[in-house]
C-alpha cells in the first residue's frame, strides 16, 4: 500500500483494481500516485489535468460498480483514496 491510499477493506481494493484501465489508474488505487497529479514527473506534468480526470474516472467507475471507494481529505489537505 502506498502513502496515497487508506485501505480498511482489502477485498474492496482488489475488486477496484480489476476496474482500472492502465498503469496510472492501478497506481492511483494502490496509493503509489497522488490524485492531484503532484507525483507526476517529466512530460507527464504537462498533462496533469488529464491524469487527474483519469483518477476521478476510475473512482467513479468503482462507485458505479457498487464498491465503497471514496476520496478522503487527510491532514494538510492531502486527497487520498479510501477503501471501506
Protein backbone atom coordinates (compact mmCIF):
# COMPACT_ATOMS: atom_id res chain seq x y z
CA UNK A 1 0.00 0.00 0.00
CA UNK A 2 1.28 3.43 -0.95
CA UNK A 3 1.00 6.62 1.02
CA UNK A 4 -1.90 7.93 -1.09
CA UNK A 5 -4.42 5.19 -0.18
CA UNK A 6 -6.20 4.22 3.03
CA UNK A 7 -7.27 0.57 2.91
CA UNK A 8 -9.79 -0.54 5.53
CA UNK A 9 -11.10 -3.35 3.32
CA UNK A 10 -8.52 -5.17 1.11
CA UNK A 11 -11.33 -7.05 -0.69
CA UNK A 12 -12.73 -3.75 -1.97
CA UNK A 13 -9.30 -2.69 -3.18
CA UNK A 14 -8.79 -5.97 -5.05
CA UNK A 15 -12.19 -5.59 -6.74
CA UNK A 16 -11.38 -1.97 -7.64
CA UNK A 17 -8.07 -2.95 -9.23
CA UNK A 18 -10.00 -5.09 -11.73
CA UNK A 19 -11.75 -1.92 -12.93
CA UNK A 20 -8.54 0.03 -13.57
CA UNK A 21 -7.73 0.77 -17.21
CA UNK A 22 -3.97 1.16 -17.32
CA UNK A 23 -0.95 1.56 -15.09
CA UNK A 24 -1.74 5.05 -13.82
CA UNK A 25 -5.23 4.13 -12.64
CA UNK A 26 -3.84 0.99 -10.97
CA UNK A 27 -1.19 3.12 -9.23
CA UNK A 28 -3.92 5.53 -8.04
CA UNK A 29 -5.82 2.64 -6.45
CA UNK A 30 -2.65 1.20 -4.93
CA UNK A 31 -1.74 4.61 -3.49
CA UNK A 32 1.50 4.98 -5.43
CA UNK A 33 0.34 8.11 -7.27
CA UNK A 34 -1.40 11.22 -5.93
CA UNK A 35 -4.90 12.05 -7.17
CA UNK A 36 -3.84 15.68 -7.65
CA UNK A 37 -1.07 14.74 -10.07
CA UNK A 38 1.65 16.18 -7.83
CA UNK A 39 3.72 13.00 -8.19
CA UNK A 40 3.92 13.27 -12.00
CA UNK A 41 7.37 13.80 -13.46
CA UNK A 42 8.83 14.84 -16.80
CA UNK A 43 6.49 15.48 -19.72
CA UNK A 44 3.59 13.90 -17.83
CA UNK A 45 3.44 17.07 -15.69
CA UNK A 46 2.22 18.95 -18.78
CA UNK A 47 -0.81 16.67 -18.94
CA UNK A 48 -1.71 16.82 -15.25
CA UNK A 49 -5.37 17.71 -15.84
CA UNK A 50 -5.84 14.61 -17.98
CA UNK A 51 -4.24 12.42 -15.34
CA UNK A 52 -6.50 13.98 -12.69
CA UNK A 53 -9.57 13.23 -14.83
CA UNK A 54 -8.32 9.66 -15.23
CA UNK A 55 -8.03 9.28 -11.45
CA UNK A 56 -11.52 10.67 -10.93
CA UNK A 57 -12.87 8.37 -13.68
CA UNK A 58 -11.57 5.19 -12.06
CA UNK A 59 -13.02 6.20 -8.69
CA UNK A 60 -16.38 6.97 -10.34
CA UNK A 61 -16.25 3.60 -12.12
CA UNK A 62 -15.67 1.85 -8.79
CA UNK A 63 -18.57 3.70 -7.18
CA UNK A 64 -20.85 2.83 -10.12
CA UNK A 65 -19.93 -0.83 -9.61
CA UNK A 66 -21.17 -0.55 -6.02
CA UNK A 67 -17.75 -0.54 -4.34
CA UNK A 68 -17.24 1.57 -1.23
CA UNK A 69 -14.44 3.75 -2.63
CA UNK A 70 -14.18 7.45 -1.94
CA UNK A 71 -11.75 10.36 -1.83
CA UNK A 72 -10.91 11.31 1.75
CA UNK A 73 -9.27 14.54 2.84
CA UNK A 74 -6.36 13.79 5.16
CA UNK A 75 -4.06 16.12 7.14
CA UNK A 76 -2.69 19.12 5.28
CA UNK A 77 -5.48 18.76 2.69
CA UNK A 78 -3.99 15.66 1.06
CA UNK A 79 -6.64 13.82 -1.00
CA UNK A 80 -6.44 10.07 -0.51
CA UNK A 81 -8.32 7.10 -1.97
CA UNK A 82 -10.21 5.32 0.82
CA UNK A 83 -11.48 1.74 0.65
CA UNK A 84 -14.13 0.93 3.28
